[in-house]
PDB file of N, CA and C in Angstrom:
ATOM      1  N   MET A   1     -88.296 -30.091-170.007  1.00  0.00           N
ATOM      2  CA  MET A   1     -88.152 -30.004-168.570  1.00  0.00           C
ATOM      3  C   MET A   1     -88.507 -28.577-168.149  1.00  0.00           C
ATOM      4  N   SER A   2     -89.268 -28.464-167.076  1.00  0.00           N
ATOM      5  CA  SER A   2     -89.683 -27.142-166.618  1.00  0.00           C
ATOM      6  C   SER A   2     -88.535 -26.446-165.882  1.00  0.00           C
ATOM      7  N   ARG A   3     -88.726 -25.178-165.608  1.00  0.00           N
ATOM      8  CA  ARG A   3     -87.686 -24.423-164.894  1.00  0.00           C
ATOM      9  C   ARG A   3     -87.486 -24.964-163.482  1.00  0.00           C
ATOM     10  N   ILE A   4     -88.573 -25.391-162.864  1.00  0.00           N
ATOM     11  CA  ILE A   4     -88.457 -25.949-161.513  1.00  0.00           C
ATOM     12  C   ILE A   4     -87.621 -27.219-161.553  1.00  0.00           C
ATOM     13  N   GLN A   5     -87.904 -28.092-162.535  1.00  0.00           N
ATOM     14  CA  GLN A   5     -87.129 -29.321-162.653  1.00  0.00           C
ATOM     15  C   GLN A   5     -85.667 -29.027-162.963  1.00  0.00           C
ATOM     16  N   GLN A   6     -85.411 -28.013-163.758  1.00  0.00           N
ATOM     17  CA  GLN A   6     -84.028 -27.656-164.061  1.00  0.00           C
ATOM     18  C   GLN A   6     -83.306 -27.173-162.810  1.00  0.00           C
ATOM     19  N   GLY A   7     -84.000 -26.403-161.978  1.00  0.00           N
ATOM     20  CA  GLY A   7     -83.399 -25.943-160.728  1.00  0.00           C
ATOM     21  C   GLY A   7     -83.108 -27.090-159.790  1.00  0.00           C
ATOM     22  N   ILE A   8     -84.051 -28.026-159.692  1.00  0.00           N
ATOM     23  CA  ILE A   8     -83.833 -29.196-158.838  1.00  0.00           C
ATOM     24  C   ILE A   8     -82.699 -30.044-159.392  1.00  0.00           C
ATOM     25  N   ALA A   9     -82.620 -30.168-160.719  1.00  0.00           N
ATOM     26  CA  ALA A   9     -81.566 -30.972-161.336  1.00  0.00           C
ATOM     27  C   ALA A   9     -80.186 -30.407-161.042  1.00  0.00           C
ATOM     28  N   GLN A  10     -80.081 -29.090-160.948  1.00  0.00           N
ATOM     29  CA  GLN A  10     -78.784 -28.493-160.639  1.00  0.00           C
ATOM     30  C   GLN A  10     -78.400 -28.749-159.188  1.00  0.00           C
ATOM     31  N   GLU A  11     -79.366 -28.676-158.282  1.00  0.00           N
ATOM     32  CA  GLU A  11     -79.071 -28.872-156.861  1.00  0.00           C
ATOM     33  C   GLU A  11     -78.967 -30.353-156.487  1.00  0.00           C
ATOM     34  N   HIS A  12     -79.928 -31.150-156.971  1.00  0.00           N
ATOM     35  CA  HIS A  12     -80.000 -32.570-156.604  1.00  0.00           C
ATOM     36  C   HIS A  12     -80.237 -33.410-157.859  1.00  0.00           C
ATOM     37  N   PRO A  13     -79.201 -33.712-158.617  1.00  0.00           N
ATOM     38  CA  PRO A  13     -79.408 -34.459-159.865  1.00  0.00           C
ATOM     39  C   PRO A  13     -79.936 -35.873-159.636  1.00  0.00           C
ATOM     40  N   GLU A  14     -79.731 -36.432-158.455  1.00  0.00           N
ATOM     41  CA  GLU A  14     -80.184 -37.799-158.190  1.00  0.00           C
ATOM     42  C   GLU A  14     -81.697 -37.880-158.005  1.00  0.00           C
ATOM     43  N   TRP A  15     -82.370 -36.755-157.859  1.00  0.00           N
ATOM     44  CA  TRP A  15     -83.822 -36.768-157.665  1.00  0.00           C
ATOM     45  C   TRP A  15     -84.580 -36.740-158.980  1.00  0.00           C
ATOM     46  N   ILE A  16     -83.950 -36.360-160.071  1.00  0.00           N
ATOM     47  CA  ILE A  16     -84.658 -36.127-161.322  1.00  0.00           C
ATOM     48  C   ILE A  16     -85.038 -37.433-162.015  1.00  0.00           C
ATOM     49  N   LEU A  17     -84.144 -38.397-162.056  1.00  0.00           N
ATOM     50  CA  LEU A  17     -84.421 -39.623-162.802  1.00  0.00           C
ATOM     51  C   LEU A  17     -85.642 -40.372-162.277  1.00  0.00           C
ATOM     52  N   PRO A  18     -85.809 -40.562-160.966  1.00  0.00           N
ATOM     53  CA  PRO A  18     -87.040 -41.226-160.509  1.00  0.00           C
ATOM     54  C   PRO A  18     -88.303 -40.463-160.892  1.00  0.00           C
ATOM     55  N   ARG A  19     -88.241 -39.148-160.850  1.00  0.00           N
ATOM     56  CA  ARG A  19     -89.417 -38.345-161.199  1.00  0.00           C
ATOM     57  C   ARG A  19     -89.732 -38.460-162.689  1.00  0.00           C
ATOM     58  N   LEU A  20     -88.713 -38.437-163.531  1.00  0.00           N
ATOM     59  CA  LEU A  20     -88.945 -38.596-164.966  1.00  0.00           C
ATOM     60  C   LEU A  20     -89.491 -39.983-165.287  1.00  0.00           C
ATOM     61  N   CYS A  21     -88.991 -40.998-164.595  1.00  0.00           N
ATOM     62  CA  CYS A  21     -89.518 -42.350-164.789  1.00  0.00           C
ATOM     63  C   CYS A  21     -90.984 -42.419-164.366  1.00  0.00           C
ATOM     64  N   GLN A  22     -91.311 -41.745-163.277  1.00  0.00           N
ATOM     65  CA  GLN A  22     -92.693 -41.746-162.804  1.00  0.00           C
ATOM     66  C   GLN A  22     -93.609 -41.038-163.805  1.00  0.00           C
ATOM     67  N   GLN A  23     -93.182 -39.907-164.332  1.00  0.00           N
ATOM     68  CA  GLN A  23     -93.990 -39.195-165.322  1.00  0.00           C
ATOM     69  C   GLN A  23     -94.193 -40.041-166.572  1.00  0.00           C
ATOM     70  N   ASN A  24     -93.131 -40.686-167.030  1.00  0.00           N
ATOM     71  CA  ASN A  24     -93.226 -41.532-168.216  1.00  0.00           C
ATOM     72  C   ASN A  24     -94.159 -42.714-167.965  1.00  0.00           C
ATOM     73  N   ALA A  25     -94.069 -43.327-166.788  1.00  0.00           N
ATOM     74  CA  ALA A  25     -94.927 -44.466-166.462  1.00  0.00           C
ATOM     75  C   ALA A  25     -96.390 -44.045-166.388  1.00  0.00           C
ATOM     76  N   ASN A  26     -96.660 -42.888-165.798  1.00  0.00           N
ATOM     77  CA  ASN A  26     -98.045 -42.417-165.711  1.00  0.00           C
ATOM     78  C   ASN A  26     -98.619 -42.137-167.096  1.00  0.00           C
ATOM     79  N   LYS A  27     -97.834 -41.497-167.944  1.00  0.00           N
ATOM     80  CA  LYS A  27     -98.304 -41.190-169.298  1.00  0.00           C
ATOM     81  C   LYS A  27     -98.559 -42.478-170.082  1.00  0.00           C
ATOM     82  N   THR A  28     -97.655 -43.441-169.966  1.00  0.00           N
ATOM     83  CA  THR A  28     -97.826 -44.712-170.659  1.00  0.00           C
ATOM     84  C   THR A  28     -99.048 -45.454-170.137  1.00  0.00           C
ATOM     85  N   GLY A  29     -99.278 -45.402-168.821  1.00  0.00           N
ATOM     86  CA  GLY A  29    -100.453 -46.045-168.237  1.00  0.00           C
ATOM     87  C   GLY A  29    -101.750 -45.437-168.727  1.00  0.00           C
ATOM     88  N   VAL A  30    -101.789 -44.129-168.867  1.00  0.00           N
ATOM     89  CA  VAL A  30    -102.997 -43.464-169.377  1.00  0.00           C
ATOM     90  C   VAL A  30    -103.260 -43.880-170.819  1.00  0.00           C
ATOM     91  N   TYR A  31    -102.220 -43.905-171.636  1.00  0.00           N
ATOM     92  CA  TYR A  31    -102.396 -44.323-173.029  1.00  0.00           C
ATOM     93  C   TYR A  31    -102.863 -45.777-173.110  1.00  0.00           C
ATOM     94  N   ALA A  32    -102.302 -46.636-172.276  1.00  0.00           N
ATOM     95  CA  ALA A  32    -102.712 -48.043-172.276  1.00  0.00           C
ATOM     96  C   ALA A  32    -104.164 -48.185-171.828  1.00  0.00           C
ATOM     97  N   ALA A  33    -104.584 -47.376-170.858  1.00  0.00           N
ATOM     98  CA  ALA A  33    -105.970 -47.428-170.395  1.00  0.00           C
ATOM     99  C   ALA A  33    -106.930 -47.002-171.499  1.00  0.00           C
ATOM    100  N   ILE A  34    -106.567 -45.969-172.233  1.00  0.00           N
ATOM    101  CA  ILE A  34    -107.428 -45.501-173.327  1.00  0.00           C
ATOM    102  C   ILE A  34    -107.550 -46.573-174.405  1.00  0.00           C
ATOM    103  N   VAL A  35    -106.434 -47.152-174.786  1.00  0.00           N
ATOM    104  CA  VAL A  35    -106.449 -48.181-175.832  1.00  0.00           C
ATOM    105  C   VAL A  35    -107.235 -49.405-175.367  1.00  0.00           C
ATOM    106  N   ALA A  36    -107.019 -49.835-174.125  1.00  0.00           N
ATOM    107  CA  ALA A  36    -107.738 -51.002-173.611  1.00  0.00           C
ATOM    108  C   ALA A  36    -109.235 -50.738-173.558  1.00  0.00           C
ATOM    109  N   GLY A  37    -109.625 -49.532-173.171  1.00  0.00           N
ATOM    110  CA  GLY A  37    -111.047 -49.196-173.145  1.00  0.00           C
ATOM    111  C   GLY A  37    -111.661 -49.190-174.533  1.00  0.00           C
ATOM    112  N   LEU A  38    -110.935 -48.650-175.504  1.00  0.00           N
ATOM    113  CA  LEU A  38    -111.449 -48.615-176.875  1.00  0.00           C
ATOM    114  C   LEU A  38    -111.582 -50.015-177.474  1.00  0.00           C
ATOM    115  N   ILE A  39    -110.701 -50.900-177.080  1.00  0.00           N
ATOM    116  CA  ILE A  39    -110.768 -52.270-177.585  1.00  0.00           C
ATOM    117  C   ILE A  39    -111.837 -53.072-176.842  1.00  0.00           C
ATOM    118  N   ALA A  40    -112.017 -52.812-175.550  1.00  0.00           N
ATOM    119  CA  ALA A  40    -112.919 -53.624-174.736  1.00  0.00           C
ATOM    120  C   ALA A  40    -114.393 -53.390-175.048  1.00  0.00           C
ATOM    121  N   VAL A  41    -114.770 -52.198-175.485  1.00  0.00           N
ATOM    122  CA  VAL A  41    -116.192 -51.927-175.763  1.00  0.00           C
ATOM    123  C   VAL A  41    -116.708 -52.813-176.901  1.00  0.00           C
ATOM    124  N   PRO A  42    -116.083 -52.829-178.077  1.00  0.00           N
ATOM    125  CA  PRO A  42    -116.625 -53.705-179.129  1.00  0.00           C
ATOM    126  C   PRO A  42    -116.499 -55.197-178.802  1.00  0.00           C
ATOM    127  N   VAL A  43    -115.462 -55.566-178.054  1.00  0.00           N
ATOM    128  CA  VAL A  43    -115.324 -56.972-177.664  1.00  0.00           C
ATOM    129  C   VAL A  43    -116.462 -57.359-176.724  1.00  0.00           C
ATOM    130  N   GLY A  44    -116.791 -56.483-175.789  1.00  0.00           N
ATOM    131  CA  GLY A  44    -117.917 -56.749-174.890  1.00  0.00           C
ATOM    132  C   GLY A  44    -119.231 -56.838-175.634  1.00  0.00           C
ATOM    133  N   ARG A  45    -119.418 -55.970-176.612  1.00  0.00           N
ATOM    134  CA  ARG A  45    -120.645 -56.019-177.416  1.00  0.00           C
ATOM    135  C   ARG A  45    -120.714 -57.316-178.226  1.00  0.00           C
ATOM    136  N   ARG A  46    -119.562 -57.773-178.696  1.00  0.00           N
ATOM    137  CA  ARG A  46    -119.537 -59.009-179.476  1.00  0.00           C
ATOM    138  C   ARG A  46    -119.881 -60.216-178.606  1.00  0.00           C
ATOM    139  N   PHE A  47    -119.538 -60.150-177.312  1.00  0.00           N
ATOM    140  CA  PHE A  47    -119.885 -61.236-176.395  1.00  0.00           C
ATOM    141  C   PHE A  47    -121.341 -61.171-175.935  1.00  0.00           C
ATOM    142  N   GLY A  48    -122.083 -60.198-176.417  1.00  0.00           N
ATOM    143  CA  GLY A  48    -123.505 -60.147-176.121  1.00  0.00           C
ATOM    144  C   GLY A  48    -123.885 -59.222-174.984  1.00  0.00           C
ATOM    145  N   LEU A  49    -122.972 -58.402-174.495  1.00  0.00           N
ATOM    146  CA  LEU A  49    -123.309 -57.454-173.436  1.00  0.00           C
ATOM    147  C   LEU A  49    -124.053 -56.269-174.033  1.00  0.00           C
ATOM    148  N   ASP A  50    -124.992 -55.724-173.261  1.00  0.00           N
ATOM    149  CA  ASP A  50    -125.652 -54.516-173.749  1.00  0.00           C
ATOM    150  C   ASP A  50    -124.684 -53.338-173.648  1.00  0.00           C
ATOM    151  N   LYS A  51    -125.112 -52.188-174.130  1.00  0.00           N
ATOM    152  CA  LYS A  51    -124.203 -51.043-174.239  1.00  0.00           C
ATOM    153  C   LYS A  51    -123.654 -50.610-172.875  1.00  0.00           C
ATOM    154  N   ASN A  52    -124.513 -50.540-171.857  1.00  0.00           N
ATOM    155  CA  ASN A  52    -124.066 -50.098-170.534  1.00  0.00           C
ATOM    156  C   ASN A  52    -123.091 -51.083-169.900  1.00  0.00           C
ATOM    157  N   ARG A  53    -123.390 -52.359-169.980  1.00  0.00           N
ATOM    158  CA  ARG A  53    -122.486 -53.358-169.391  1.00  0.00           C
ATOM    159  C   ARG A  53    -121.156 -53.400-170.137  1.00  0.00           C
ATOM    160  N   ALA A  54    -121.202 -53.216-171.433  1.00  0.00           N
ATOM    161  CA  ALA A  54    -119.956 -53.181-172.207  1.00  0.00           C
ATOM    162  C   ALA A  54    -119.113 -51.976-171.799  1.00  0.00           C
ATOM    163  N   LEU A  55    -119.769 -50.833-171.562  1.00  0.00           N
ATOM    164  CA  LEU A  55    -119.025 -49.643-171.137  1.00  0.00           C
ATOM    165  C   LEU A  55    -118.427 -49.825-169.743  1.00  0.00           C
ATOM    166  N   PHE A  56    -119.200 -50.399-168.819  1.00  0.00           N
ATOM    167  CA  PHE A  56    -118.663 -50.629-167.473  1.00  0.00           C
ATOM    168  C   PHE A  56    -117.539 -51.659-167.489  1.00  0.00           C
ATOM    169  N   SER A  57    -117.681 -52.677-168.316  1.00  0.00           N
ATOM    170  CA  SER A  57    -116.597 -53.659-168.443  1.00  0.00           C
ATOM    171  C   SER A  57    -115.343 -53.006-169.014  1.00  0.00           C
ATOM    172  N   ALA A  58    -115.543 -52.145-170.009  1.00  0.00           N
ATOM    173  CA  ALA A  58    -114.400 -51.442-170.599  1.00  0.00           C
ATOM    174  C   ALA A  58    -113.750 -50.517-169.587  1.00  0.00           C
ATOM    175  N   LEU A  59    -114.559 -49.895-168.736  1.00  0.00           N
ATOM    176  CA  LEU A  59    -114.012 -49.027-167.691  1.00  0.00           C
ATOM    177  C   LEU A  59    -113.127 -49.824-166.733  1.00  0.00           C
ATOM    178  N   GLY A  60    -113.597 -50.992-166.319  1.00  0.00           N
ATOM    179  CA  GLY A  60    -112.799 -51.837-165.430  1.00  0.00           C
ATOM    180  C   GLY A  60    -111.531 -52.336-166.083  1.00  0.00           C
ATOM    181  N   VAL A  61    -111.662 -52.791-167.313  1.00  0.00           N
ATOM    182  CA  VAL A  61    -110.493 -53.303-168.041  1.00  0.00           C
ATOM    183  C   VAL A  61    -109.469 -52.199-168.260  1.00  0.00           C
ATOM    184  N   SER A  62    -109.952 -51.007-168.600  1.00  0.00           N
ATOM    185  CA  SER A  62    -109.009 -49.919-168.861  1.00  0.00           C
ATOM    186  C   SER A  62    -108.296 -49.492-167.584  1.00  0.00           C
ATOM    187  N   GLY A  63    -108.993 -49.488-166.459  1.00  0.00           N
ATOM    188  CA  GLY A  63    -108.341 -49.145-165.191  1.00  0.00           C
ATOM    189  C   GLY A  63    -107.258 -50.132-164.818  1.00  0.00           C
ATOM    190  N   ILE A  64    -107.572 -51.405-164.951  1.00  0.00           N
ATOM    191  CA  ILE A  64    -106.590 -52.446-164.624  1.00  0.00           C
ATOM    192  C   ILE A  64    -105.408 -52.390-165.589  1.00  0.00           C
ATOM    193  N   ALA A  65    -105.696 -52.246-166.873  1.00  0.00           N
ATOM    194  CA  ALA A  65    -104.614 -52.199-167.869  1.00  0.00           C
ATOM    195  C   ALA A  65    -103.717 -50.989-167.653  1.00  0.00           C
ATOM    196  N   GLY A  66    -104.298 -49.846-167.340  1.00  0.00           N
ATOM    197  CA  GLY A  66    -103.495 -48.649-167.093  1.00  0.00           C
ATOM    198  C   GLY A  66    -102.616 -48.795-165.873  1.00  0.00           C
ATOM    199  N   TYR A  67    -103.171 -49.354-164.796  1.00  0.00           N
ATOM    200  CA  TYR A  67    -102.408 -49.538-163.560  1.00  0.00           C
ATOM    201  C   TYR A  67    -101.248 -50.505-163.773  1.00  0.00           C
ATOM    202  N   VAL A  68    -101.542 -51.647-164.372  1.00  0.00           N
ATOM    203  CA  VAL A  68    -100.503 -52.661-164.579  1.00  0.00           C
ATOM    204  C   VAL A  68     -99.411 -52.132-165.510  1.00  0.00           C
ATOM    205  N   THR A  69     -99.808 -51.442-166.558  1.00  0.00           N
ATOM    206  CA  THR A  69     -98.824 -50.897-167.496  1.00  0.00           C
ATOM    207  C   THR A  69     -97.941 -49.848-166.834  1.00  0.00           C
ATOM    208  N   ALA A  70     -98.537 -48.979-166.022  1.00  0.00           N
ATOM    209  CA  ALA A  70     -97.750 -47.953-165.334  1.00  0.00           C
ATOM    210  C   ALA A  70     -96.762 -48.585-164.360  1.00  0.00           C
ATOM    211  N   LYS A  71     -97.212 -49.579-163.602  1.00  0.00           N
ATOM    212  CA  LYS A  71     -96.309 -50.253-162.658  1.00  0.00           C
ATOM    213  C   LYS A  71     -95.170 -50.961-163.392  1.00  0.00           C
ATOM    214  N   TYR A  72     -95.503 -51.643-164.484  1.00  0.00           N
ATOM    215  CA  TYR A  72     -94.475 -52.350-165.239  1.00  0.00           C
ATOM    216  C   TYR A  72     -93.468 -51.374-165.844  1.00  0.00           C
ATOM    217  N   THR A  73     -93.969 -50.276-166.395  1.00  0.00           N
ATOM    218  CA  THR A  73     -93.079 -49.288-167.012  1.00  0.00           C
ATOM    219  C   THR A  73     -92.139 -48.685-165.981  1.00  0.00           C
ATOM    220  N   TYR A  74     -92.660 -48.367-164.795  1.00  0.00           N
ATOM    221  CA  TYR A  74     -91.817 -47.790-163.748  1.00  0.00           C
ATOM    222  C   TYR A  74     -90.779 -48.809-163.266  1.00  0.00           C
ATOM    223  N   ALA A  75     -91.203 -50.065-163.085  1.00  0.00           N
ATOM    224  CA  ALA A  75     -90.262 -51.101-162.641  1.00  0.00           C
ATOM    225  C   ALA A  75     -89.175 -51.335-163.688  1.00  0.00           C
ATOM    226  N   HIS A  76     -89.550 -51.297-164.954  1.00  0.00           N
ATOM    227  CA  HIS A  76     -88.555 -51.476-166.019  1.00  0.00           C
ATOM    228  C   HIS A  76     -87.560 -50.317-166.030  1.00  0.00           C
ATOM    229  N   CYS A  77     -88.054 -49.108-165.844  1.00  0.00           N
ATOM    230  CA  CYS A  77     -87.176 -47.934-165.807  1.00  0.00           C
ATOM    231  C   CYS A  77     -86.232 -48.018-164.604  1.00  0.00           C
ATOM    232  N   GLU A  78     -86.775 -48.431-163.468  1.00  0.00           N
ATOM    233  CA  GLU A  78     -85.949 -48.571-162.261  1.00  0.00           C
ATOM    234  C   GLU A  78     -84.866 -49.624-162.465  1.00  0.00           C
ATOM    235  N   LYS A  79     -85.241 -50.743-163.078  1.00  0.00           N
ATOM    236  CA  LYS A  79     -84.278 -51.814-163.312  1.00  0.00           C
ATOM    237  C   LYS A  79     -83.222 -51.389-164.336  1.00  0.00           C
ATOM    238  N   THR A  80     -83.645 -50.663-165.353  1.00  0.00           N
ATOM    239  CA  THR A  80     -82.728 -50.246-166.411  1.00  0.00           C
ATOM    240  C   THR A  80     -81.682 -49.269-165.894  1.00  0.00           C
ATOM    241  N   TYR A  81     -82.130 -48.259-165.157  1.00  0.00           N
ATOM    242  CA  TYR A  81     -81.219 -47.199-164.724  1.00  0.00           C
ATOM    243  C   TYR A  81     -80.672 -47.410-163.321  1.00  0.00           C
ATOM    244  N   GLY A  82     -81.291 -48.273-162.534  1.00  0.00           N
ATOM    245  CA  GLY A  82     -80.797 -48.559-161.192  1.00  0.00           C
ATOM    246  C   GLY A  82     -80.672 -47.329-160.326  1.00  0.00           C
ATOM    247  N   PHE A  83     -81.661 -46.435-160.384  1.00  0.00           N
ATOM    248  CA  PHE A  83     -81.507 -45.163-159.683  1.00  0.00           C
ATOM    249  C   PHE A  83     -81.659 -45.287-158.182  1.00  0.00           C
ATOM    250  N   PHE A  84     -82.297 -46.342-157.670  1.00  0.00           N
ATOM    251  CA  PHE A  84     -82.385 -46.468-156.221  1.00  0.00           C
ATOM    252  C   PHE A  84     -81.035 -46.837-155.622  1.00  0.00           C
ATOM    253  N   HIS A  85     -80.216 -47.548-156.380  1.00  0.00           N
ATOM    254  CA  HIS A  85     -78.872 -47.827-155.889  1.00  0.00           C
ATOM    255  C   HIS A  85     -78.085 -46.537-155.762  1.00  0.00           C
ATOM    256  N   GLY A  86     -78.268 -45.642-156.705  1.00  0.00           N
ATOM    257  CA  GLY A  86     -77.612 -44.341-156.640  1.00  0.00           C
ATOM    258  C   GLY A  86     -78.101 -43.524-155.464  1.00  0.00           C
ATOM    259  N   MET A  87     -79.390 -43.613-155.157  1.00  0.00           N
ATOM    260  CA  MET A  87     -79.954 -42.868-154.036  1.00  0.00           C
ATOM    261  C   MET A  87     -79.368 -43.375-152.719  1.00  0.00           C
ATOM    262  N   GLU A  88     -79.218 -44.692-152.593  1.00  0.00           N
ATOM    263  CA  GLU A  88     -78.631 -45.238-151.370  1.00  0.00           C
ATOM    264  C   GLU A  88     -77.194 -44.753-151.212  1.00  0.00           C
ATOM    265  N   HIS A  89     -76.464 -44.714-152.306  1.00  0.00           N
ATOM    266  CA  HIS A  89     -75.083 -44.248-152.274  1.00  0.00           C
ATOM    267  C   HIS A  89     -75.033 -42.788-151.827  1.00  0.00           C
ATOM    268  N   VAL A  90     -75.946 -41.980-152.343  1.00  0.00           N
ATOM    269  CA  VAL A  90     -75.992 -40.568-151.967  1.00  0.00           C
ATOM    270  C   VAL A  90     -76.324 -40.424-150.485  1.00  0.00           C
ATOM    271  N   GLN A  91     -77.258 -41.228-149.993  1.00  0.00           N
ATOM    272  CA  GLN A  91     -77.611 -41.162-148.576  1.00  0.00           C
ATOM    273  C   GLN A  91     -76.428 -41.555-147.695  1.00  0.00           C
ATOM    274  N   GLN A  92     -75.662 -42.550-148.118  1.00  0.00           N
ATOM    275  CA  GLN A  92     -74.480 -42.943-147.354  1.00  0.00           C
ATOM    276  C   GLN A  92     -73.444 -41.828-147.350  1.00  0.00           C
ATOM    277  N   GLU A  93     -73.269 -41.156-148.472  1.00  0.00           N
ATOM    278  CA  GLU A  93     -72.324 -40.042-148.537  1.00  0.00           C
ATOM    279  C   GLU A  93     -72.754 -38.904-147.621  1.00  0.00           C
ATOM    280  N   ILE A  94     -74.041 -38.612-147.609  1.00  0.00           N
ATOM    281  CA  ILE A  94     -74.550 -37.551-146.733  1.00  0.00           C
ATOM    282  C   ILE A  94     -74.328 -37.925-145.273  1.00  0.00           C
ATOM    283  N   LYS A  95     -74.552 -39.185-144.946  1.00  0.00           N
ATOM    284  CA  LYS A  95     -74.345 -39.646-143.568  1.00  0.00           C
ATOM    285  C   LYS A  95     -72.870 -39.536-143.182  1.00  0.00           C
ATOM    286  N   LYS A  96     -71.968 -39.909-144.106  1.00  0.00           N
ATOM    287  CA  LYS A  96     -70.532 -39.790-143.839  1.00  0.00           C
ATOM    288  C   LYS A  96     -70.141 -38.340-143.590  1.00  0.00           C
ATOM    289  N   GLN A  97     -70.646 -37.446-144.439  1.00  0.00           N
ATOM    290  CA  GLN A  97     -70.310 -36.034-144.295  1.00  0.00           C
ATOM    291  C   GLN A  97     -70.814 -35.475-142.973  1.00  0.00           C
ATOM    292  N   SER A  98     -72.017 -35.867-142.571  1.00  0.00           N
ATOM    293  CA  SER A  98     -72.541 -35.357-141.299  1.00  0.00           C
ATOM    294  C   SER A  98     -71.746 -35.914-140.123  1.00  0.00           C
ATOM    295  N   GLU A  99     -71.304 -37.176-140.222  1.00  0.00           N
ATOM    296  CA  GLU A  99     -70.477 -37.746-139.159  1.00  0.00           C
ATOM    297  C   GLU A  99     -69.125 -37.046-139.088  1.00  0.00           C
ATOM    298  N   GLU A 100     -68.548 -36.730-140.250  1.00  0.00           N
ATOM    299  CA  GLU A 100     -67.266 -36.024-140.269  1.00  0.00           C
ATOM    300  C   GLU A 100     -67.401 -34.631-139.676  1.00  0.00           C
ATOM    301  N   LYS A 101     -68.499 -33.963-139.972  1.00  0.00           N
ATOM    302  CA  LYS A 101     -68.726 -32.632-139.409  1.00  0.00           C
ATOM    303  C   LYS A 101     -68.864 -32.702-137.892  1.00  0.00           C
ATOM    304  N   GLN A 102     -69.570 -33.734-137.425  1.00  0.00           N
ATOM    305  CA  GLN A 102     -69.734 -33.880-135.982  1.00  0.00           C
ATOM    306  C   GLN A 102     -68.409 -34.198-135.307  1.00  0.00           C
ATOM    307  N   SER A 103     -67.599 -35.037-135.946  1.00  0.00           N
ATOM    308  CA  SER A 103     -66.318 -35.395-135.333  1.00  0.00           C
ATOM    309  C   SER A 103     -65.360 -34.203-135.332  1.00  0.00           C
ATOM    310  N   THR A 104     -65.367 -33.397-136.389  1.00  0.00           N
ATOM    311  CA  THR A 104     -64.480 -32.231-136.410  1.00  0.00           C
ATOM    312  C   THR A 104     -64.972 -31.152-135.456  1.00  0.00           C
ATOM    313  N   SER A 105     -66.277 -30.977-135.343  1.00  0.00           N
ATOM    314  CA  SER A 105     -66.782 -29.963-134.406  1.00  0.00           C
ATOM    315  C   SER A 105     -66.589 -30.423-132.965  1.00  0.00           C
ATOM    316  N   GLY A 106     -66.645 -31.733-132.729  1.00  0.00           N
ATOM    317  CA  GLY A 106     -66.403 -32.252-131.382  1.00  0.00           C
ATOM    318  C   GLY A 106     -64.956 -32.106-130.970  1.00  0.00           C
ATOM    319  N   SER A 107     -64.007 -32.245-131.901  1.00  0.00           N
ATOM    320  CA  SER A 107     -62.591 -32.112-131.568  1.00  0.00           C
ATOM    321  C   SER A 107     -62.218 -30.651-131.335  1.00  0.00           C
ATOM    322  N   GLU A 108     -62.924 -29.730-131.960  1.00  0.00           N
ATOM    323  CA  GLU A 108     -62.632 -28.316-131.752  1.00  0.00           C
ATOM    324  C   GLU A 108     -63.053 -27.862-130.362  1.00  0.00           C
ATOM    325  N   LEU A 109     -64.074 -28.489-129.817  1.00  0.00           N
ATOM    326  CA  LEU A 109     -64.551 -28.091-128.494  1.00  0.00           C
ATOM    327  C   LEU A 109     -63.584 -28.515-127.392  1.00  0.00           C
ATOM    328  N   HIS A 110     -62.867 -29.606-127.561  1.00  0.00           N
ATOM    329  CA  HIS A 110     -61.976 -30.103-126.509  1.00  0.00           C
ATOM    330  C   HIS A 110     -60.704 -29.386-126.548  1.00  0.00           C
TER     331      HIS A 110
END
């Protein structure tokens, strides 16, 4: 974790988990895209595509595989840790605190 992330984690710990899940999903998606591209080129050649068409097919397959893998990984992380539920709870707490501050400052004026 970088120093910036450590500073944010101390101030707002609820923000770190979604960001770490996003980084992990992006990295996994890139790896899946590379693997899918490496597999798709010889498969395309075996189906009779010339070298250029096999490369373009592999490019398309790798893009789709990377995107789908990244989305799935992020959704799995979100489901596993349930961090959006925590974020909603934090937002409700912040709203309560701001309402309490307004009510106490309003009573002091009267």
